[in-house]
Amino acid sequence: MSRRELCSFRWDGTQWATITTSSHLEFEYKSSTANQQNTTSTVDGTIRVATFNILADCFPWFIEMVIRSAERFEWLCHGITNLNPTIIGLNEVTTTSLQQLQQCQFIRENYFITESFDENKHDDNNELKGCTNGLLSTHGCIILSKLPLIEVFAISVSGSTREAVIGKVQLGSNSENCVYFCAHHTTAYQTPKNAQLRAQQICDIVNVLQPTGLPFVIMGDLNLHYDFEDGVVVDNKFIDAWAQTHFSHIHPFNDGNQGYTFDAVKNNLIPYYIPGERRQMRLDRILFSHGFPAFVIIPCAIWANEPIKFGNYLFPSDHFGLFIDIVTDAIDDCKELMPLSEPDPSAEEILFRNAKNNKDQKAYRPGLVRTTRALVSHILWLGAVVLGLK
């Protein structure tokens, strides 16, 4: 576990300019007059926090034929524009998707970003390296933020080449009201060994951020497959954004919506991408540290959960995204507020119950008959696609 200092980037009208910690204040001063409307981070004090695993494009051709990344990445730019988040963490970003994001006019006009593609950057063997901060080894995490990134760094975690990416921002006008946002993508697959590894990876991040004394958010595809992995939330005293705003006993935060972000029932892309898959899981999370200075007005919501084209199986990703709107001060005319500083008792009870439900720790293996049928059907479908019959 180690911390690696990074720089951020902001479009200056001609290129993505590098912003280091030392140059942050100078850049903020220069841009405050010319781009004041673009660096404004909130609407009526509302800060929209979002996360999304975009599904990488670094798979073999027969998988790419199914997931159609060019169409999905084109949608991604429109999706972010329509969602208009204040800060968003993206998982499974590759150099291809990064370039597309950096070419989007809305992103250029509004966001700082934690990685930048550089076609002139090469490694020691004179091979194209591509990214300035080196975050996208195959694929990785990035943060887009309307709030100026005061500080950016990466944390290496146990058993993974993917680093957690952290940005420090100021919420509101008080210079002392700074927090960290962390985008992370833990190790995948439903096995007991990987569940333990995921818990350690999240602990690695906590061990770096907690000693700073600042509130923080960990968000992304945390791959919490088993119910008992809610123990990660309980043990670290996190406030789980979805549980807090759907599993409470307080209206309107009590609808009991399970919030599946990996949903093979509703997401038609999944059975084509992973033949035979049927699971519904709350893999993606937005976790606030205990004492986080904010309130929620409306429940955490799912986005990127509709097909790109009506009547077509193609969804933006095999995951749905999450977003939540928060405010740092209670609003006088709003009767219903949910604090993020401590867990709701009803939500905490459900998470605690899940954490104790650790009898089923088997590795997930779909049945042989179901898998065989699904693969045969899938191969026939792929053949029809190749022949232009689909």
Protein backbone atom coordinates (compact mmCIF):
# COMPACT_ATOMS: atom_id res chain seq x y z
CA MET A 1 0.00 0.00 0.00
CA SER A 2 1.51 3.31 -1.08
CA ARG A 3 0.43 6.79 -2.09
CA ARG A 4 1.44 8.28 -5.44
CA GLU A 5 1.02 11.99 -6.14
CA LEU A 6 -0.74 12.90 -9.39
CA CYS A 7 -1.67 15.99 -11.34
CA SER A 8 -5.08 16.95 -12.72
CA PHE A 9 -6.02 18.52 -16.04
CA ARG A 10 -8.31 21.28 -17.28
CA TRP A 11 -9.13 22.35 -20.85
CA ASP A 12 -7.67 25.81 -21.47
CA GLY A 13 -9.23 26.37 -24.88
CA THR A 14 -6.51 24.67 -26.90
CA GLN A 15 -5.33 21.71 -24.81
CA TRP A 16 -5.79 19.82 -21.57
CA ALA A 17 -3.46 21.84 -19.34
CA THR A 18 -1.68 20.12 -16.46
CA ILE A 19 -2.64 21.32 -13.00
CA THR A 20 -0.24 20.38 -10.19
CA THR A 21 -0.89 20.98 -6.51
CA SER A 22 1.47 23.95 -6.53
CA SER A 23 -0.18 25.54 -9.55
CA HIS A 24 -3.75 24.95 -8.38
CA LEU A 25 -4.35 28.36 -6.81
CA GLU A 26 -2.78 30.20 -9.74
CA PHE A 27 -4.92 28.28 -12.24
CA GLU A 28 -8.08 28.82 -10.20
CA TYR A 29 -7.44 32.58 -10.11
CA LYS A 30 -6.79 32.82 -13.86
CA SER A 31 -9.87 30.78 -14.76
CA SER A 32 -12.27 32.39 -12.28
CA THR A 33 -13.04 35.35 -14.53
CA ALA A 34 -13.10 33.69 -17.95
CA ASN A 35 -14.89 30.52 -16.94
CA GLN A 36 -16.80 31.44 -13.80
CA GLN A 37 -20.04 29.99 -15.12
CA ASN A 38 -18.31 26.70 -15.92
CA THR A 39 -16.46 26.22 -12.64
CA THR A 40 -19.61 26.85 -10.63
CA SER A 41 -20.10 23.46 -9.06
CA THR A 42 -23.59 23.55 -7.64
CA VAL A 43 -27.11 24.56 -8.45
CA ASP A 44 -28.93 26.03 -5.43
CA GLY A 45 -26.23 24.51 -3.24
CA THR A 46 -26.81 20.99 -4.54
CA ILE A 47 -23.81 18.76 -5.23
CA ARG A 48 -24.46 15.74 -7.45
CA VAL A 49 -22.14 12.80 -6.77
CA ALA A 50 -22.15 9.93 -9.29
CA THR A 51 -20.36 6.72 -10.15
CA PHE A 52 -20.44 4.39 -13.16
CA ASN A 53 -18.56 1.34 -14.42
CA ILE A 54 -18.55 2.05 -18.16
CA LEU A 55 -17.45 -1.48 -19.30
CA ALA A 56 -14.02 -1.50 -20.95
CA ASP A 57 -13.33 -2.10 -24.64
CA CYS A 58 -10.21 -4.24 -24.20
CA PHE A 59 -11.80 -7.64 -24.81
CA PRO A 60 -11.48 -10.12 -27.73
CA TRP A 61 -13.26 -9.33 -31.00
CA PHE A 62 -16.18 -11.71 -30.37
CA ILE A 63 -16.98 -9.91 -27.10
CA GLU A 64 -16.51 -6.51 -28.71
CA MET A 65 -19.01 -7.58 -31.36
CA VAL A 66 -21.55 -7.94 -28.56
CA ILE A 67 -20.79 -4.92 -26.37
CA ARG A 68 -20.33 -2.45 -29.29
CA SER A 69 -18.08 -0.04 -27.43
CA ALA A 70 -18.06 2.72 -30.06
CA GLU A 71 -21.82 3.18 -29.63
CA ARG A 72 -21.62 2.94 -25.85
CA PHE A 73 -18.83 5.48 -25.53
CA GLU A 74 -20.69 7.90 -27.78
CA TRP A 75 -23.68 7.50 -25.46
CA LEU A 76 -21.42 8.02 -22.42
CA CYS A 77 -20.65 11.60 -23.39
CA HIS A 78 -24.36 12.34 -23.85
CA GLY A 79 -25.15 10.48 -20.63
CA ILE A 80 -22.75 12.58 -18.55
CA THR A 81 -24.02 15.75 -20.22
CA ASN A 82 -27.63 14.91 -19.35
CA LEU A 83 -26.83 13.78 -15.81
CA ASN A 84 -24.66 16.85 -15.23
CA PRO A 85 -22.89 15.56 -12.11
CA THR A 86 -20.75 17.82 -9.95
CA ILE A 87 -18.27 15.00 -9.46
CA ILE A 88 -18.27 11.53 -11.01
CA GLY A 89 -16.02 8.50 -10.64
CA LEU A 90 -15.70 6.23 -13.68
CA ASN A 91 -14.44 2.64 -13.68
CA GLU A 92 -12.98 0.52 -16.50
CA VAL A 93 -11.81 3.57 -18.43
CA THR A 94 -9.39 2.78 -21.27
CA THR A 95 -7.35 5.11 -23.45
CA THR A 96 -10.05 4.85 -26.13
CA SER A 97 -12.87 5.95 -23.84
CA LEU A 98 -10.65 8.58 -22.20
CA GLN A 99 -9.92 10.19 -25.55
CA GLN A 100 -13.61 10.29 -26.36
CA LEU A 101 -14.40 11.89 -23.01
CA GLN A 102 -11.69 14.50 -23.49
CA GLN A 103 -13.08 15.40 -26.90
CA CYS A 104 -16.58 16.04 -25.50
CA GLN A 105 -17.34 19.77 -25.50
CA PHE A 106 -19.43 19.63 -22.32
CA ILE A 107 -16.63 17.90 -20.42
CA ARG A 108 -14.04 20.32 -21.78
CA GLU A 109 -16.09 23.31 -20.66
CA ASN A 110 -16.99 22.03 -17.19
CA TYR A 111 -14.60 19.51 -15.69
CA PHE A 112 -11.23 18.93 -14.17
CA ILE A 113 -10.08 15.37 -14.89
CA THR A 114 -7.55 13.10 -13.20
CA GLU A 115 -6.04 11.58 -16.34
CA SER A 116 -5.11 12.82 -19.79
CA PHE A 117 -4.18 10.97 -22.95
CA ASP A 118 -0.83 12.06 -24.37
CA GLU A 119 0.04 10.64 -27.78
CA ASN A 120 3.61 11.88 -27.35
CA LYS A 121 4.23 9.99 -24.10
CA HIS A 122 6.36 6.83 -24.44
CA ASP A 123 7.86 4.37 -21.99
CA ASP A 124 11.52 3.27 -21.65
CA ASN A 125 11.10 0.92 -24.64
CA ASN A 126 9.79 3.79 -26.78
CA GLU A 127 6.34 2.24 -26.85
CA LEU A 128 3.30 4.48 -26.68
CA LYS A 129 2.32 4.87 -23.03
CA GLY A 130 -0.57 7.17 -23.68
CA CYS A 131 -1.59 8.52 -20.27
CA THR A 132 0.21 11.16 -18.26
CA ASN A 133 -0.60 9.80 -14.79
CA GLY A 134 -0.32 6.14 -15.81
CA LEU A 135 -3.69 5.20 -14.30
CA LEU A 136 -4.99 3.16 -17.22
CA SER A 137 -2.99 -0.05 -17.25
CA THR A 138 -5.44 -1.89 -19.51
CA HIS A 139 -8.25 -0.05 -17.74
CA GLY A 140 -8.60 2.01 -14.58
CA CYS A 141 -10.48 4.67 -12.64
CA ILE A 142 -10.74 8.41 -13.25
CA ILE A 143 -12.58 11.30 -11.62
CA LEU A 144 -14.29 14.19 -13.40
CA SER A 145 -15.01 17.18 -11.15
CA LYS A 146 -16.56 20.59 -11.62
CA LEU A 147 -14.99 21.46 -8.28
CA PRO A 148 -11.31 22.35 -8.64
CA LEU A 149 -9.14 19.43 -7.59
CA ILE A 150 -6.93 20.83 -4.85
CA GLU A 151 -4.97 17.61 -4.53
CA VAL A 152 -4.90 14.36 -6.53
CA PHE A 153 -3.18 11.10 -5.67
CA ALA A 154 -3.47 7.35 -6.19
CA ILE A 155 -3.36 4.56 -3.64
CA SER A 156 -2.08 1.09 -4.49
CA VAL A 157 -4.17 -1.66 -2.93
CA SER A 158 -3.53 -5.26 -2.01
CA GLY A 159 -3.57 -7.83 -4.80
CA SER A 160 -4.43 -5.47 -7.65
CA THR A 161 -2.67 -3.44 -10.33
CA ARG A 162 -5.61 -0.99 -10.34
CA GLU A 163 -5.06 2.00 -8.11
CA ALA A 164 -7.70 3.91 -6.21
CA VAL A 165 -7.85 7.52 -7.42
CA ILE A 166 -8.48 10.31 -4.92
CA GLY A 167 -9.31 13.98 -5.42
CA LYS A 168 -9.53 16.59 -2.68
CA VAL A 169 -12.18 19.28 -3.20
CA GLN A 170 -13.75 22.12 -1.27
CA LEU A 171 -17.49 21.91 -0.63
CA GLY A 172 -19.20 25.29 -0.49
CA SER A 173 -17.54 28.62 0.22
CA ASN A 174 -15.79 27.63 3.45
CA SER A 175 -12.14 26.89 2.72
CA GLU A 176 -12.03 24.58 5.75
CA ASN A 177 -14.82 22.40 4.35
CA CYS A 178 -12.64 20.07 2.28
CA VAL A 179 -13.31 16.40 1.58
CA TYR A 180 -11.80 13.54 -0.40
CA PHE A 181 -13.58 11.66 -3.18
CA CYS A 182 -12.17 8.25 -4.08
CA ALA A 183 -13.01 6.29 -7.25
CA HIS A 184 -12.16 2.61 -6.94
CA HIS A 185 -12.83 -0.71 -8.67
CA THR A 186 -12.13 -3.70 -6.46
CA THR A 187 -11.27 -7.25 -7.52
CA ALA A 188 -14.19 -9.04 -9.19
CA TYR A 189 -15.75 -12.52 -9.04
CA GLN A 190 -17.81 -14.20 -6.35
CA THR A 191 -15.39 -16.32 -4.33
CA PRO A 192 -14.65 -16.25 -0.59
CA LYS A 193 -10.99 -15.45 -1.30
CA ASN A 194 -11.90 -12.45 -3.42
CA ALA A 195 -14.40 -11.26 -0.82
CA GLN A 196 -11.58 -11.13 1.73
CA LEU A 197 -9.35 -9.36 -0.78
CA ARG A 198 -12.01 -6.73 -1.50
CA ALA A 199 -12.39 -6.03 2.20
CA GLN A 200 -8.62 -5.56 2.48
CA GLN A 201 -8.49 -3.28 -0.57
CA ILE A 202 -11.14 -0.99 0.92
CA CYS A 203 -9.30 -1.11 4.25
CA ASP A 204 -6.11 -0.04 2.45
CA ILE A 205 -7.90 3.11 1.26
CA VAL A 206 -9.36 3.83 4.68
CA ASN A 207 -5.93 3.48 6.29
CA VAL A 208 -4.62 6.28 4.07
CA LEU A 209 -7.62 8.63 4.15
CA GLN A 210 -8.77 8.30 7.75
CA PRO A 211 -5.57 9.68 9.34
CA THR A 212 -5.96 12.92 7.33
CA GLY A 213 -8.91 13.84 9.54
CA LEU A 214 -11.00 14.89 6.54
CA PRO A 215 -14.34 13.34 5.56
CA PHE A 216 -14.24 11.15 2.46
CA VAL A 217 -16.32 9.20 -0.04
CA ILE A 218 -15.39 5.85 -1.61
CA MET A 219 -17.43 5.15 -4.74
CA GLY A 220 -17.35 2.75 -7.64
CA ASP A 221 -17.80 -0.86 -8.63
CA LEU A 222 -16.82 -2.33 -5.27
CA ASN A 223 -17.93 -5.81 -6.41
CA LEU A 224 -19.66 -6.69 -3.14
CA HIS A 225 -21.21 -9.91 -4.44
CA TYR A 226 -22.20 -11.66 -1.21
CA ASP A 227 -24.73 -10.29 1.27
CA PHE A 228 -22.18 -10.73 4.06
CA GLU A 229 -19.87 -8.26 2.30
CA ASP A 230 -22.08 -5.51 3.75
CA GLY A 231 -19.78 -6.14 6.71
CA VAL A 232 -17.34 -3.82 4.92
CA VAL A 233 -19.86 -1.01 5.41
CA VAL A 234 -20.61 -1.88 9.03
CA ASP A 235 -17.02 -2.50 10.13
CA ASN A 236 -15.75 0.79 8.66
CA LYS A 237 -18.75 2.79 9.95
CA PHE A 238 -19.59 3.89 6.41
CA ILE A 239 -22.90 5.42 5.46
CA ASP A 240 -24.06 3.50 2.38
CA ALA A 241 -25.87 6.07 0.20
CA TRP A 242 -28.38 3.59 -1.21
CA ALA A 243 -29.17 1.84 2.08
CA GLN A 244 -29.41 5.16 3.91
CA THR A 245 -32.00 6.53 1.50
CA HIS A 246 -34.03 3.40 0.71
CA PHE A 247 -33.84 1.11 3.77
CA SER A 248 -34.81 3.71 6.36
CA HIS A 249 -38.17 3.88 8.17
CA ILE A 250 -38.46 7.60 7.31
CA HIS A 251 -40.51 8.74 4.30
CA PRO A 252 -39.46 9.13 1.47
CA PHE A 253 -36.34 7.10 2.24
CA ASN A 254 -38.22 3.89 3.05
CA ASP A 255 -39.29 2.37 -0.27
CA GLY A 256 -37.13 -0.74 0.21
CA ASN A 257 -35.83 -0.65 -3.38
CA GLN A 258 -32.93 -3.12 -3.52
CA GLY A 259 -30.91 -0.96 -5.91
CA TYR A 260 -29.35 -3.67 -8.04
CA THR A 261 -26.69 -2.11 -10.26
CA PHE A 262 -25.79 -5.44 -11.86
CA ASP A 263 -29.16 -6.77 -12.92
CA ALA A 264 -29.34 -9.59 -15.43
CA VAL A 265 -33.16 -9.42 -15.31
CA LYS A 266 -33.49 -5.76 -16.36
CA ASN A 267 -30.24 -5.21 -18.28
CA ASN A 268 -30.61 -6.97 -21.62
CA LEU A 269 -26.91 -6.58 -22.44
CA ILE A 270 -25.81 -8.92 -19.66
CA PRO A 271 -27.16 -12.23 -21.09
CA TYR A 272 -25.44 -11.45 -24.42
CA TYR A 273 -22.18 -10.41 -22.74
CA ILE A 274 -22.20 -13.19 -20.11
CA PRO A 275 -24.31 -16.11 -21.44
CA GLY A 276 -26.33 -17.82 -18.72
CA GLU A 277 -25.96 -14.97 -16.21
CA ARG A 278 -29.03 -14.42 -14.01
CA ARG A 279 -27.78 -12.68 -10.87
CA GLN A 280 -29.00 -9.40 -9.41
CA MET A 281 -26.44 -7.67 -7.16
CA ARG A 282 -25.72 -4.32 -5.57
CA LEU A 283 -22.12 -4.20 -6.79
CA ASP A 284 -21.76 -0.43 -7.13
CA ARG A 285 -21.74 1.73 -4.01
CA ILE A 286 -21.32 5.29 -2.82
CA LEU A 287 -19.95 5.12 0.74
CA PHE A 288 -19.62 8.20 2.95
CA SER A 289 -17.29 8.24 5.92
CA HIS A 290 -18.78 8.64 9.39
CA GLY A 291 -19.34 12.33 10.13
CA PHE A 292 -19.58 13.42 6.49
CA PRO A 293 -20.96 16.99 6.58
CA ALA A 294 -23.91 16.72 4.21
CA PHE A 295 -27.62 16.00 3.88
CA VAL A 296 -29.72 14.21 1.24
CA ILE A 297 -32.98 15.69 -0.03
CA ILE A 298 -34.11 12.87 -2.32
CA PRO A 299 -33.12 9.18 -2.35
CA CYS A 300 -30.01 7.94 -4.14
CA ALA A 301 -30.94 7.02 -7.73
CA ILE A 302 -29.87 4.73 -10.55
CA TRP A 303 -28.87 6.06 -13.98
CA ALA A 304 -27.65 4.56 -17.29
CA ASN A 305 -30.40 1.98 -16.84
CA GLU A 306 -32.17 2.29 -20.20
CA PRO A 307 -31.21 0.79 -23.59
CA ILE A 308 -29.27 3.09 -25.89
CA LYS A 309 -31.82 2.51 -28.64
CA PHE A 310 -35.44 1.54 -28.05
CA GLY A 311 -36.08 -2.13 -28.70
CA ASN A 312 -32.36 -3.04 -28.83
CA TYR A 313 -30.47 -5.16 -26.28
CA LEU A 314 -27.55 -2.72 -26.06
CA PHE A 315 -27.33 -0.89 -22.73
CA PRO A 316 -24.60 1.65 -21.85
CA SER A 317 -22.82 -0.99 -19.74
CA ASP A 318 -23.34 -4.26 -17.89
CA HIS A 319 -23.68 -2.04 -14.80
CA PHE A 320 -26.14 0.69 -13.93
CA GLY A 321 -24.70 3.84 -12.39
CA LEU A 322 -25.58 5.59 -9.13
CA PHE A 323 -26.00 9.24 -8.25
CA ILE A 324 -27.02 11.18 -5.18
CA ASP A 325 -27.74 14.88 -4.65
CA ILE A 326 -26.36 16.31 -1.41
CA VAL A 327 -26.30 19.69 0.31
CA THR A 328 -23.89 20.84 2.98
CA ASP A 329 -26.43 22.97 4.85
CA ALA A 330 -29.98 22.16 5.90
CA ILE A 331 -32.54 23.95 3.73
CA ASP A 332 -35.20 25.81 5.71
CA ASP A 333 -38.10 25.12 3.36
CA CYS A 334 -37.29 21.41 2.98
CA LYS A 335 -39.01 19.22 5.58
CA GLU A 336 -37.44 15.92 4.56
CA LEU A 337 -33.69 15.66 5.02
CA MET A 338 -31.52 12.61 5.55
CA PRO A 339 -28.16 13.30 7.23
CA LEU A 340 -25.07 11.52 5.94
CA SER A 341 -23.10 12.05 9.14
CA GLU A 342 -24.30 8.82 10.77
CA PRO A 343 -26.15 5.70 9.62
CA ASP A 344 -29.93 5.49 9.82
CA PRO A 345 -30.79 2.85 12.47
CA SER A 346 -33.14 0.89 10.22
CA ALA A 347 -30.68 0.84 7.34
CA GLU A 348 -27.83 -0.10 9.65
CA GLU A 349 -29.88 -2.98 11.06
CA ILE A 350 -30.42 -4.43 7.57
CA LEU A 351 -26.73 -4.10 6.68
CA PHE A 352 -25.74 -5.66 10.01
CA ARG A 353 -28.11 -8.58 9.38
CA ASN A 354 -26.59 -9.09 5.92
CA ALA A 355 -23.10 -8.98 7.39
CA LYS A 356 -23.99 -11.79 9.80
CA ASN A 357 -25.54 -13.91 7.03
CA ASN A 358 -22.28 -15.64 6.14
CA LYS A 359 -23.41 -19.26 5.82
CA ASP A 360 -23.26 -19.20 2.01
CA GLN A 361 -19.62 -18.59 1.08
CA LYS A 362 -19.45 -20.85 -1.94
CA ALA A 363 -17.85 -19.67 -5.14
CA TYR A 364 -20.45 -18.83 -7.76
CA ARG A 365 -20.64 -21.45 -10.50
CA PRO A 366 -23.61 -21.56 -12.87
CA GLY A 367 -24.98 -25.00 -13.61
CA LEU A 368 -23.38 -27.02 -16.43
CA VAL A 369 -26.65 -27.61 -18.28
CA ARG A 370 -27.68 -23.96 -18.12
CA THR A 371 -24.22 -22.80 -19.19
CA THR A 372 -24.09 -25.23 -22.12
CA ARG A 373 -27.51 -24.19 -23.37
CA ALA A 374 -26.66 -20.52 -23.03
CA LEU A 375 -23.33 -20.90 -24.87
CA VAL A 376 -24.88 -22.88 -27.75
CA SER A 377 -27.59 -20.27 -28.16
CA HIS A 378 -25.01 -17.49 -27.93
CA ILE A 379 -22.73 -19.04 -30.57
CA LEU A 380 -25.65 -19.40 -32.95
CA TRP A 381 -26.58 -15.77 -32.36
CA LEU A 382 -22.99 -14.61 -32.96
CA GLY A 383 -22.91 -16.58 -36.20
CA ALA A 384 -26.11 -14.86 -37.32
CA VAL A 385 -24.54 -11.48 -36.49
CA VAL A 386 -21.42 -12.28 -38.52
CA LEU A 387 -23.55 -13.34 -41.48
CA GLY A 388 -25.63 -10.18 -41.24
CA LEU A 389 -28.79 -12.04 -40.26
CA LYS A 390 -29.09 -10.20 -36.94
